[in-house]
């Protein structure tokens, strides 16, 4: 668990290495590009949001072959993401049953 940088700067380009390194030095554990919209809409509408991800490689090491979106590690990560999502959904349902005023 930790901080993730959500940015369109994920793919290689002129600013990639420096942008990613600065965020890694600041404590970001991963980078993804889709969740920024989810978090912004959730914030504007007052909806609790969250994201679960699995890592398929490091852009700092892609040239060395460190990218395997179809590999065993990623498959296990996807399985864990689904199980985690189900556990969280169950917890939210149980919280709402015990406190009906709590909104999702």
PDB file of N, CA and C in Angstrom:
ATOM      1  N   UNK A   1       0.842  -1.180   0.000  1.00  0.00           N
ATOM      2  CA  UNK A   1       0.000   0.000   0.000  1.00  0.00           C
ATOM      3  C   UNK A   1       0.876   1.228   0.000  1.00  0.00           C
ATOM      4  N   UNK A   2       0.416   2.248  -0.710  1.00  0.00           N
ATOM      5  CA  UNK A   2       1.182   3.474  -0.725  1.00  0.00           C
ATOM      6  C   UNK A   2       0.691   4.449  -1.759  1.00  0.00           C
ATOM      7  N   UNK A   3       1.468   5.486  -1.950  1.00  0.00           N
ATOM      8  CA  UNK A   3       1.124   6.570  -2.849  1.00  0.00           C
ATOM      9  C   UNK A   3       1.435   6.186  -4.288  1.00  0.00           C
ATOM     10  N   UNK A   4       0.498   6.517  -5.179  1.00  0.00           N
ATOM     11  CA  UNK A   4       0.683   6.278  -6.602  1.00  0.00           C
ATOM     12  C   UNK A   4       0.585   7.593  -7.349  1.00  0.00           C
ATOM     13  N   UNK A   5       1.481   7.825  -8.270  1.00  0.00           N
ATOM     14  CA  UNK A   5       1.406   8.974  -9.153  1.00  0.00           C
ATOM     15  C   UNK A   5       0.441   8.614 -10.273  1.00  0.00           C
ATOM     16  N   UNK A   6      -0.592   9.396 -10.461  1.00  0.00           N
ATOM     17  CA  UNK A   6      -1.511   9.163 -11.562  1.00  0.00           C
ATOM     18  C   UNK A   6      -1.299  10.288 -12.562  1.00  0.00           C
ATOM     19  N   UNK A   7      -0.770   9.926 -13.736  1.00  0.00           N
ATOM     20  CA  UNK A   7      -0.348  10.941 -14.686  1.00  0.00           C
ATOM     21  C   UNK A   7      -0.280  10.361 -16.086  1.00  0.00           C
ATOM     22  N   UNK A   8      -0.473  11.215 -17.069  1.00  0.00           N
ATOM     23  CA  UNK A   8      -0.309  10.817 -18.461  1.00  0.00           C
ATOM     24  C   UNK A   8       1.154  10.713 -18.856  1.00  0.00           C
ATOM     25  N   UNK A   9       2.068  10.989 -17.948  1.00  0.00           N
ATOM     26  CA  UNK A   9       3.505  10.909 -18.239  1.00  0.00           C
ATOM     27  C   UNK A   9       4.053   9.505 -18.081  1.00  0.00           C
ATOM     28  N   UNK A  10       3.198   8.515 -18.194  1.00  0.00           N
ATOM     29  CA  UNK A  10       3.599   7.133 -17.942  1.00  0.00           C
ATOM     30  C   UNK A  10       4.535   6.596 -19.018  1.00  0.00           C
ATOM     31  N   UNK A  11       4.245   6.886 -20.272  1.00  0.00           N
ATOM     32  CA  UNK A  11       5.022   6.313 -21.368  1.00  0.00           C
ATOM     33  C   UNK A  11       6.267   7.137 -21.659  1.00  0.00           C
ATOM     34  N   UNK A  12       7.301   6.489 -22.199  1.00  0.00           N
ATOM     35  CA  UNK A  12       8.561   7.187 -22.437  1.00  0.00           C
ATOM     36  C   UNK A  12       8.390   8.456 -23.263  1.00  0.00           C
ATOM     37  N   UNK A  13       9.100   9.461 -22.879  1.00  0.00           N
ATOM     38  CA  UNK A  13       9.081  10.734 -23.578  1.00  0.00           C
ATOM     39  C   UNK A  13      10.152  11.619 -22.977  1.00  0.00           C
ATOM     40  N   UNK A  14      10.288  12.833 -23.460  1.00  0.00           N
ATOM     41  CA  UNK A  14      11.363  13.708 -22.987  1.00  0.00           C
ATOM     42  C   UNK A  14      11.365  13.952 -21.485  1.00  0.00           C
ATOM     43  N   UNK A  15      10.197  14.047 -20.871  1.00  0.00           N
ATOM     44  CA  UNK A  15      10.145  14.373 -19.442  1.00  0.00           C
ATOM     45  C   UNK A  15      10.011  13.149 -18.553  1.00  0.00           C
ATOM     46  N   UNK A  16       9.890  11.966 -19.152  1.00  0.00           N
ATOM     47  CA  UNK A  16       9.551  10.789 -18.364  1.00  0.00           C
ATOM     48  C   UNK A  16      10.526  10.488 -17.232  1.00  0.00           C
ATOM     49  N   UNK A  17      11.786  10.331 -17.546  1.00  0.00           N
ATOM     50  CA  UNK A  17      12.737   9.909 -16.509  1.00  0.00           C
ATOM     51  C   UNK A  17      12.783  10.892 -15.350  1.00  0.00           C
ATOM     52  N   UNK A  18      12.881  12.171 -15.650  1.00  0.00           N
ATOM     53  CA  UNK A  18      12.985  13.138 -14.562  1.00  0.00           C
ATOM     54  C   UNK A  18      11.679  13.229 -13.776  1.00  0.00           C
ATOM     55  N   UNK A  19      10.529  13.196 -14.463  1.00  0.00           N
ATOM     56  CA  UNK A  19       9.237  13.272 -13.782  1.00  0.00           C
ATOM     57  C   UNK A  19       9.045  12.075 -12.867  1.00  0.00           C
ATOM     58  N   UNK A  20       9.311  10.889 -13.372  1.00  0.00           N
ATOM     59  CA  UNK A  20       9.126   9.691 -12.562  1.00  0.00           C
ATOM     60  C   UNK A  20      10.109   9.630 -11.411  1.00  0.00           C
ATOM     61  N   UNK A  21      11.356  10.024 -11.645  1.00  0.00           N
ATOM     62  CA  UNK A  21      12.356   9.963 -10.582  1.00  0.00           C
ATOM     63  C   UNK A  21      12.022  10.917  -9.448  1.00  0.00           C
ATOM     64  N   UNK A  22      11.572  12.122  -9.774  1.00  0.00           N
ATOM     65  CA  UNK A  22      11.194  13.089  -8.740  1.00  0.00           C
ATOM     66  C   UNK A  22      10.076  12.511  -7.884  1.00  0.00           C
ATOM     67  N   UNK A  23       9.081  11.904  -8.513  1.00  0.00           N
ATOM     68  CA  UNK A  23       7.971  11.336  -7.766  1.00  0.00           C
ATOM     69  C   UNK A  23       8.389  10.092  -6.992  1.00  0.00           C
ATOM     70  N   UNK A  24       9.285   9.303  -7.537  1.00  0.00           N
ATOM     71  CA  UNK A  24       9.799   8.143  -6.800  1.00  0.00           C
ATOM     72  C   UNK A  24      10.567   8.616  -5.571  1.00  0.00           C
ATOM     73  N   UNK A  25      11.363   9.655  -5.734  1.00  0.00           N
ATOM     74  CA  UNK A  25      12.114  10.204  -4.604  1.00  0.00           C
ATOM     75  C   UNK A  25      11.179  10.772  -3.536  1.00  0.00           C
ATOM     76  N   UNK A  26       9.994  11.229  -3.957  1.00  0.00           N
ATOM     77  CA  UNK A  26       9.013  11.798  -3.024  1.00  0.00           C
ATOM     78  C   UNK A  26       8.167  10.722  -2.360  1.00  0.00           C
ATOM     79  N   UNK A  27       8.351   9.459  -2.751  1.00  0.00           N
ATOM     80  CA  UNK A  27       7.645   8.368  -2.094  1.00  0.00           C
ATOM     81  C   UNK A  27       6.578   7.680  -2.921  1.00  0.00           C
ATOM     82  N   UNK A  28       6.373   8.092  -4.171  1.00  0.00           N
ATOM     83  CA  UNK A  28       5.398   7.401  -5.022  1.00  0.00           C
ATOM     84  C   UNK A  28       5.931   6.002  -5.333  1.00  0.00           C
ATOM     85  N   UNK A  29       5.083   4.999  -5.117  1.00  0.00           N
ATOM     86  CA  UNK A  29       5.493   3.613  -5.318  1.00  0.00           C
ATOM     87  C   UNK A  29       5.219   3.111  -6.733  1.00  0.00           C
ATOM     88  N   UNK A  30       4.292   3.778  -7.428  1.00  0.00           N
ATOM     89  CA  UNK A  30       3.950   3.346  -8.771  1.00  0.00           C
ATOM     90  C   UNK A  30       3.363   4.510  -9.558  1.00  0.00           C
ATOM     91  N   UNK A  31       3.185   4.269 -10.857  1.00  0.00           N
ATOM     92  CA  UNK A  31       2.617   5.267 -11.756  1.00  0.00           C
ATOM     93  C   UNK A  31       1.528   4.585 -12.565  1.00  0.00           C
ATOM     94  N   UNK A  32       0.416   5.262 -12.714  1.00  0.00           N
ATOM     95  CA  UNK A  32      -0.645   4.791 -13.595  1.00  0.00           C
ATOM     96  C   UNK A  32      -1.304   6.004 -14.213  1.00  0.00           C
ATOM     97  N   UNK A  33      -2.175   5.819 -15.209  1.00  0.00           N
ATOM     98  CA  UNK A  33      -2.696   6.981 -15.900  1.00  0.00           C
ATOM     99  C   UNK A  33      -4.205   7.135 -15.879  1.00  0.00           C
ATOM    100  N   UNK A  34      -4.954   6.232 -15.332  1.00  0.00           N
ATOM    101  CA  UNK A  34      -6.400   6.304 -15.446  1.00  0.00           C
ATOM    102  C   UNK A  34      -7.122   6.855 -14.223  1.00  0.00           C
ATOM    103  N   UNK A  35      -6.563   6.743 -13.055  1.00  0.00           N
ATOM    104  CA  UNK A  35      -7.315   7.033 -11.838  1.00  0.00           C
ATOM    105  C   UNK A  35      -7.469   8.511 -11.497  1.00  0.00           C
ATOM    106  N   UNK A  36      -6.703   9.382 -12.124  1.00  0.00           N
ATOM    107  CA  UNK A  36      -6.832  10.809 -11.823  1.00  0.00           C
ATOM    108  C   UNK A  36      -8.264  11.273 -12.045  1.00  0.00           C
ATOM    109  N   UNK A  37      -8.881  10.838 -13.138  1.00  0.00           N
ATOM    110  CA  UNK A  37     -10.259  11.226 -13.422  1.00  0.00           C
ATOM    111  C   UNK A  37     -11.204  10.682 -12.360  1.00  0.00           C
ATOM    112  N   UNK A  38     -11.024   9.436 -11.990  1.00  0.00           N
ATOM    113  CA  UNK A  38     -11.854   8.822 -10.952  1.00  0.00           C
ATOM    114  C   UNK A  38     -11.780   9.635  -9.658  1.00  0.00           C
ATOM    115  N   UNK A  39     -10.584   9.984  -9.228  1.00  0.00           N
ATOM    116  CA  UNK A  39     -10.417  10.719  -7.982  1.00  0.00           C
ATOM    117  C   UNK A  39     -10.980  12.139  -8.078  1.00  0.00           C
ATOM    118  N   UNK A  40     -10.800  12.795  -9.217  1.00  0.00           N
ATOM    119  CA  UNK A  40     -11.334  14.157  -9.387  1.00  0.00           C
ATOM    120  C   UNK A  40     -12.862  14.152  -9.356  1.00  0.00           C
ATOM    121  N   UNK A  41     -13.486  13.254 -10.097  1.00  0.00           N
ATOM    122  CA  UNK A  41     -14.952  13.190 -10.109  1.00  0.00           C
ATOM    123  C   UNK A  41     -15.469  12.832  -8.715  1.00  0.00           C
ATOM    124  N   UNK A  42     -14.826  11.885  -8.050  1.00  0.00           N
ATOM    125  CA  UNK A  42     -15.226  11.527  -6.698  1.00  0.00           C
ATOM    126  C   UNK A  42     -15.132  12.701  -5.751  1.00  0.00           C
ATOM    127  N   UNK A  43     -14.076  13.472  -5.866  1.00  0.00           N
ATOM    128  CA  UNK A  43     -13.899  14.627  -4.995  1.00  0.00           C
ATOM    129  C   UNK A  43     -14.969  15.690  -5.257  1.00  0.00           C
ATOM    130  N   UNK A  44     -15.215  15.975  -6.505  1.00  0.00           N
ATOM    131  CA  UNK A  44     -16.209  16.987  -6.863  1.00  0.00           C
ATOM    132  C   UNK A  44     -17.609  16.566  -6.413  1.00  0.00           C
ATOM    133  N   UNK A  45     -17.918  15.279  -6.523  1.00  0.00           N
ATOM    134  CA  UNK A  45     -19.261  14.802  -6.189  1.00  0.00           C
ATOM    135  C   UNK A  45     -19.394  14.295  -4.754  1.00  0.00           C
ATOM    136  N   UNK A  46     -18.312  14.345  -3.993  1.00  0.00           N
ATOM    137  CA  UNK A  46     -18.364  13.897  -2.602  1.00  0.00           C
ATOM    138  C   UNK A  46     -18.502  12.393  -2.464  1.00  0.00           C
ATOM    139  N   UNK A  47     -17.915  11.642  -3.395  1.00  0.00           N
ATOM    140  CA  UNK A  47     -17.989  10.180  -3.397  1.00  0.00           C
ATOM    141  C   UNK A  47     -16.633   9.620  -2.981  1.00  0.00           C
ATOM    142  N   UNK A  48     -16.653   8.692  -2.031  1.00  0.00           N
ATOM    143  CA  UNK A  48     -15.400   8.036  -1.636  1.00  0.00           C
ATOM    144  C   UNK A  48     -14.861   7.245  -2.818  1.00  0.00           C
ATOM    145  N   UNK A  49     -13.586   7.379  -3.081  1.00  0.00           N
ATOM    146  CA  UNK A  49     -12.970   6.660  -4.190  1.00  0.00           C
ATOM    147  C   UNK A  49     -11.705   5.966  -3.714  1.00  0.00           C
ATOM    148  N   UNK A  50     -11.313   4.992  -4.462  1.00  0.00           N
ATOM    149  CA  UNK A  50     -10.081   4.271  -4.194  1.00  0.00           C
ATOM    150  C   UNK A  50      -9.684   3.514  -5.441  1.00  0.00           C
ATOM    151  N   UNK A  51      -8.497   2.992  -5.442  1.00  0.00           N
ATOM    152  CA  UNK A  51      -8.014   2.230  -6.592  1.00  0.00           C
ATOM    153  C   UNK A  51      -7.129   1.095  -6.111  1.00  0.00           C
ATOM    154  N   UNK A  52      -7.155   0.038  -6.864  1.00  0.00           N
ATOM    155  CA  UNK A  52      -6.297  -1.116  -6.606  1.00  0.00           C
ATOM    156  C   UNK A  52      -5.528  -1.364  -7.897  1.00  0.00           C
ATOM    157  N   UNK A  53      -4.249  -1.635  -7.798  1.00  0.00           N
ATOM    158  CA  UNK A  53      -3.433  -1.844  -8.998  1.00  0.00           C
ATOM    159  C   UNK A  53      -2.455  -2.984  -8.770  1.00  0.00           C
ATOM    160  N   UNK A  54      -1.953  -3.502  -9.852  1.00  0.00           N
ATOM    161  CA  UNK A  54      -0.851  -4.458  -9.786  1.00  0.00           C
ATOM    162  C   UNK A  54       0.251  -3.962 -10.718  1.00  0.00           C
ATOM    163  N   UNK A  55       1.469  -4.241 -10.385  1.00  0.00           N
ATOM    164  CA  UNK A  55       2.623  -3.714 -11.106  1.00  0.00           C
ATOM    165  C   UNK A  55       3.081  -4.713 -12.159  1.00  0.00           C
ATOM    166  N   UNK A  56       3.309  -4.221 -13.390  1.00  0.00           N
ATOM    167  CA  UNK A  56       3.755  -5.116 -14.456  1.00  0.00           C
ATOM    168  C   UNK A  56       5.165  -4.797 -14.944  1.00  0.00           C
ATOM    169  N   UNK A  57       5.870  -3.941 -14.241  1.00  0.00           N
ATOM    170  CA  UNK A  57       7.254  -3.655 -14.604  1.00  0.00           C
ATOM    171  C   UNK A  57       7.624  -2.230 -14.244  1.00  0.00           C
ATOM    172  N   UNK A  58       8.883  -1.909 -14.402  1.00  0.00           N
ATOM    173  CA  UNK A  58       9.387  -0.568 -14.106  1.00  0.00           C
ATOM    174  C   UNK A  58       9.794   0.119 -15.400  1.00  0.00           C
ATOM    175  N   UNK A  59       9.229   1.311 -15.673  1.00  0.00           N
ATOM    176  CA  UNK A  59       9.642   2.019 -16.893  1.00  0.00           C
ATOM    177  C   UNK A  59      11.116   2.393 -16.883  1.00  0.00           C
ATOM    178  N   UNK A  60      11.740   2.408 -15.699  1.00  0.00           N
ATOM    179  CA  UNK A  60      13.178   2.662 -15.640  1.00  0.00           C
ATOM    180  C   UNK A  60      13.974   1.485 -16.189  1.00  0.00           C
ATOM    181  N   UNK A  61      13.329   0.307 -16.281  1.00  0.00           N
ATOM    182  CA  UNK A  61      14.051  -0.907 -16.683  1.00  0.00           C
ATOM    183  C   UNK A  61      13.386  -1.639 -17.842  1.00  0.00           C
ATOM    184  N   UNK A  62      12.505  -0.975 -18.583  1.00  0.00           N
ATOM    185  CA  UNK A  62      11.835  -1.639 -19.713  1.00  0.00           C
ATOM    186  C   UNK A  62      12.834  -2.117 -20.751  1.00  0.00           C
ATOM    187  N   UNK A  63      13.884  -1.348 -20.999  1.00  0.00           N
ATOM    188  CA  UNK A  63      14.884  -1.742 -21.999  1.00  0.00           C
ATOM    189  C   UNK A  63      15.604  -3.032 -21.603  1.00  0.00           C
ATOM    190  N   UNK A  64      15.561  -3.357 -20.308  1.00  0.00           N
ATOM    191  CA  UNK A  64      16.192  -4.581 -19.809  1.00  0.00           C
ATOM    192  C   UNK A  64      15.188  -5.738 -19.763  1.00  0.00           C
ATOM    193  N   UNK A  65      13.983  -5.521 -20.278  1.00  0.00           N
ATOM    194  CA  UNK A  65      12.966  -6.571 -20.292  1.00  0.00           C
ATOM    195  C   UNK A  65      12.058  -6.585 -19.074  1.00  0.00           C
ATOM    196  N   UNK A  66      12.092  -5.533 -18.264  1.00  0.00           N
ATOM    197  CA  UNK A  66      11.251  -5.490 -17.058  1.00  0.00           C
ATOM    198  C   UNK A  66       9.860  -4.945 -17.389  1.00  0.00           C
ATOM    199  N   UNK A  67       9.144  -5.690 -18.215  1.00  0.00           N
ATOM    200  CA  UNK A  67       7.757  -5.356 -18.537  1.00  0.00           C
ATOM    201  C   UNK A  67       7.102  -6.657 -18.969  1.00  0.00           C
ATOM    202  N   UNK A  68       6.142  -7.135 -18.186  1.00  0.00           N
ATOM    203  CA  UNK A  68       5.530  -8.428 -18.475  1.00  0.00           C
ATOM    204  C   UNK A  68       4.057  -8.408 -18.071  1.00  0.00           C
ATOM    205  N   UNK A  69       3.210  -7.711 -18.842  1.00  0.00           N
ATOM    206  CA  UNK A  69       1.804  -7.578 -18.456  1.00  0.00           C
ATOM    207  C   UNK A  69       1.019  -8.889 -18.489  1.00  0.00           C
ATOM    208  N   UNK A  70       1.552  -9.905 -19.128  1.00  0.00           N
ATOM    209  CA  UNK A  70       0.838 -11.188 -19.212  1.00  0.00           C
ATOM    210  C   UNK A  70       1.503 -12.279 -18.377  1.00  0.00           C
ATOM    211  N   UNK A  71       2.485 -11.914 -17.551  1.00  0.00           N
ATOM    212  CA  UNK A  71       3.248 -12.901 -16.790  1.00  0.00           C
ATOM    213  C   UNK A  71       2.530 -13.430 -15.557  1.00  0.00           C
ATOM    214  N   UNK A  72       3.165 -14.392 -14.909  1.00  0.00           N
ATOM    215  CA  UNK A  72       2.597 -15.034 -13.721  1.00  0.00           C
ATOM    216  C   UNK A  72       2.435 -14.059 -12.559  1.00  0.00           C
ATOM    217  N   UNK A  73       3.393 -13.169 -12.371  1.00  0.00           N
ATOM    218  CA  UNK A  73       3.325 -12.217 -11.255  1.00  0.00           C
ATOM    219  C   UNK A  73       2.124 -11.294 -11.433  1.00  0.00           C
ATOM    220  N   UNK A  74       1.900 -10.833 -12.655  1.00  0.00           N
ATOM    221  CA  UNK A  74       0.766  -9.946 -12.919  1.00  0.00           C
ATOM    222  C   UNK A  74      -0.545 -10.711 -12.774  1.00  0.00           C
ATOM    223  N   UNK A  75      -0.595 -11.955 -13.228  1.00  0.00           N
ATOM    224  CA  UNK A  75      -1.809 -12.765 -13.073  1.00  0.00           C
ATOM    225  C   UNK A  75      -2.148 -12.935 -11.594  1.00  0.00           C
ATOM    226  N   UNK A  76      -1.156 -13.189 -10.769  1.00  0.00           N
ATOM    227  CA  UNK A  76      -1.383 -13.305  -9.324  1.00  0.00           C
ATOM    228  C   UNK A  76      -1.825 -11.965  -8.743  1.00  0.00           C
ATOM    229  N   UNK A  77      -1.225 -10.880  -9.232  1.00  0.00           N
ATOM    230  CA  UNK A  77      -1.620  -9.543  -8.792  1.00  0.00           C
ATOM    231  C   UNK A  77      -3.068  -9.242  -9.139  1.00  0.00           C
ATOM    232  N   UNK A  78      -3.508  -9.628 -10.331  1.00  0.00           N
ATOM    233  CA  UNK A  78      -4.902  -9.407 -10.740  1.00  0.00           C
ATOM    234  C   UNK A  78      -5.854 -10.191  -9.839  1.00  0.00           C
ATOM    235  N   UNK A  79      -5.478 -11.427  -9.532  1.00  0.00           N
ATOM    236  CA  UNK A  79      -6.300 -12.241  -8.628  1.00  0.00           C
ATOM    237  C   UNK A  79      -6.409 -11.556  -7.259  1.00  0.00           C
ATOM    238  N   UNK A  80      -5.292 -11.074  -6.743  1.00  0.00           N
ATOM    239  CA  UNK A  80      -5.296 -10.382  -5.448  1.00  0.00           C
ATOM    240  C   UNK A  80      -6.092  -9.080  -5.494  1.00  0.00           C
ATOM    241  N   UNK A  81      -6.055  -8.384  -6.630  1.00  0.00           N
ATOM    242  CA  UNK A  81      -6.840  -7.159  -6.784  1.00  0.00           C
ATOM    243  C   UNK A  81      -8.330  -7.466  -6.671  1.00  0.00           C
ATOM    244  N   UNK A  82      -8.778  -8.509  -7.344  1.00  0.00           N
ATOM    245  CA  UNK A  82     -10.193  -8.887  -7.305  1.00  0.00           C
ATOM    246  C   UNK A  82     -10.605  -9.263  -5.888  1.00  0.00           C
ATOM    247  N   UNK A  83      -9.796 -10.080  -5.222  1.00  0.00           N
ATOM    248  CA  UNK A  83     -10.124 -10.492  -3.855  1.00  0.00           C
ATOM    249  C   UNK A  83     -10.146  -9.286  -2.905  1.00  0.00           C
ATOM    250  N   UNK A  84      -9.205  -8.379  -3.063  1.00  0.00           N
ATOM    251  CA  UNK A  84      -9.169  -7.186  -2.230  1.00  0.00           C
ATOM    252  C   UNK A  84     -10.396  -6.317  -2.477  1.00  0.00           C
ATOM    253  N   UNK A  85     -10.747  -6.134  -3.736  1.00  0.00           N
ATOM    254  CA  UNK A  85     -11.936  -5.350  -4.072  1.00  0.00           C
ATOM    255  C   UNK A  85     -13.197  -5.938  -3.467  1.00  0.00           C
ATOM    256  N   UNK A  86     -13.322  -7.256  -3.504  1.00  0.00           N
ATOM    257  CA  UNK A  86     -14.492  -7.912  -2.909  1.00  0.00           C
ATOM    258  C   UNK A  86     -14.515  -7.727  -1.392  1.00  0.00           C
ATOM    259  N   UNK A  87     -13.346  -7.837  -0.753  1.00  0.00           N
ATOM    260  CA  UNK A  87     -13.281  -7.631   0.703  1.00  0.00           C
ATOM    261  C   UNK A  87     -13.678  -6.199   1.072  1.00  0.00           C
ATOM    262  N   UNK A  88     -13.195  -5.239   0.321  1.00  0.00           N
ATOM    263  CA  UNK A  88     -13.525  -3.838   0.594  1.00  0.00           C
ATOM    264  C   UNK A  88     -15.012  -3.588   0.371  1.00  0.00           C
ATOM    265  N   UNK A  89     -15.555  -4.124  -0.725  1.00  0.00           N
ATOM    266  CA  UNK A  89     -16.989  -3.947  -0.993  1.00  0.00           C
ATOM    267  C   UNK A  89     -17.820  -4.537   0.135  1.00  0.00           C
ATOM    268  N   UNK A  90     -17.441  -5.707   0.628  1.00  0.00           N
ATOM    269  CA  UNK A  90     -18.165  -6.328   1.743  1.00  0.00           C
ATOM    270  C   UNK A  90     -18.083  -5.449   2.988  1.00  0.00           C
ATOM    271  N   UNK A  91     -16.900  -4.919   3.257  1.00  0.00           N
ATOM    272  CA  UNK A  91     -16.727  -4.061   4.430  1.00  0.00           C
ATOM    273  C   UNK A  91     -17.603  -2.811   4.327  1.00  0.00           C
ATOM    274  N   UNK A  92     -17.671  -2.211   3.152  1.00  0.00           N
ATOM    275  CA  UNK A  92     -18.501  -1.022   2.960  1.00  0.00           C
ATOM    276  C   UNK A  92     -19.974  -1.365   3.165  1.00  0.00           C
ATOM    277  N   UNK A  93     -20.415  -2.492   2.636  1.00  0.00           N
ATOM    278  CA  UNK A  93     -21.812  -2.908   2.818  1.00  0.00           C
ATOM    279  C   UNK A  93     -22.109  -3.100   4.298  1.00  0.00           C
ATOM    280  N   UNK A  94     -21.219  -3.780   5.011  1.00  0.00           N
ATOM    281  CA  UNK A  94     -21.432  -4.011   6.442  1.00  0.00           C
ATOM    282  C   UNK A  94     -21.431  -2.693   7.217  1.00  0.00           C
ATOM    283  N   UNK A  95     -20.563  -1.764   6.869  1.00  0.00           N
ATOM    284  CA  UNK A  95     -20.551  -0.445   7.516  1.00  0.00           C
ATOM    285  C   UNK A  95     -21.873   0.275   7.283  1.00  0.00           C
ATOM    286  N   UNK A  96     -22.390   0.195   6.071  1.00  0.00           N
ATOM    287  CA  UNK A  96     -23.644   0.873   5.746  1.00  0.00           C
ATOM    288  C   UNK A  96     -24.831   0.238   6.459  1.00  0.00           C
ATOM    289  N   UNK A  97     -24.786  -1.071   6.663  1.00  0.00           N
ATOM    290  CA  UNK A  97     -25.873  -1.743   7.382  1.00  0.00           C
ATOM    291  C   UNK A  97     -25.902  -1.314   8.840  1.00  0.00           C
ATOM    292  N   UNK A  98     -24.723  -1.119   9.426  1.00  0.00           N
ATOM    293  CA  UNK A  98     -24.658  -0.739  10.829  1.00  0.00           C
ATOM    294  C   UNK A  98     -24.794   0.774  11.051  1.00  0.00           C
ATOM    295  N   UNK A  99     -24.614   1.546   9.989  1.00  0.00           N
ATOM    296  CA  UNK A  99     -24.727   2.994  10.080  1.00  0.00           C
ATOM    297  C   UNK A  99     -25.396   3.514   8.818  1.00  0.00           C
ATOM    298  N   UNK A 100     -26.725   3.425   8.722  1.00  0.00           N
ATOM    299  CA  UNK A 100     -27.429   3.785   7.494  1.00  0.00           C
ATOM    300  C   UNK A 100     -27.162   5.196   6.988  1.00  0.00           C
ATOM    301  N   UNK A 101     -26.756   6.107   7.846  1.00  0.00           N
ATOM    302  CA  UNK A 101     -26.502   7.479   7.402  1.00  0.00           C
ATOM    303  C   UNK A 101     -25.187   7.595   6.645  1.00  0.00           C
ATOM    304  N   UNK A 102     -24.329   6.586   6.719  1.00  0.00           N
ATOM    305  CA  UNK A 102     -23.053   6.602   6.020  1.00  0.00           C
ATOM    306  C   UNK A 102     -23.297   6.396   4.538  1.00  0.00           C
ATOM    307  N   UNK A 103     -22.790   7.303   3.718  1.00  0.00           N
ATOM    308  CA  UNK A 103     -23.003   7.177   2.278  1.00  0.00           C
ATOM    309  C   UNK A 103     -21.764   6.603   1.624  1.00  0.00           C
ATOM    310  N   UNK A 104     -21.971   5.946   0.498  1.00  0.00           N
ATOM    311  CA  UNK A 104     -20.866   5.445  -0.285  1.00  0.00           C
ATOM    312  C   UNK A 104     -20.239   6.609  -0.969  1.00  0.00           C
TER     313      UNK A 104
END
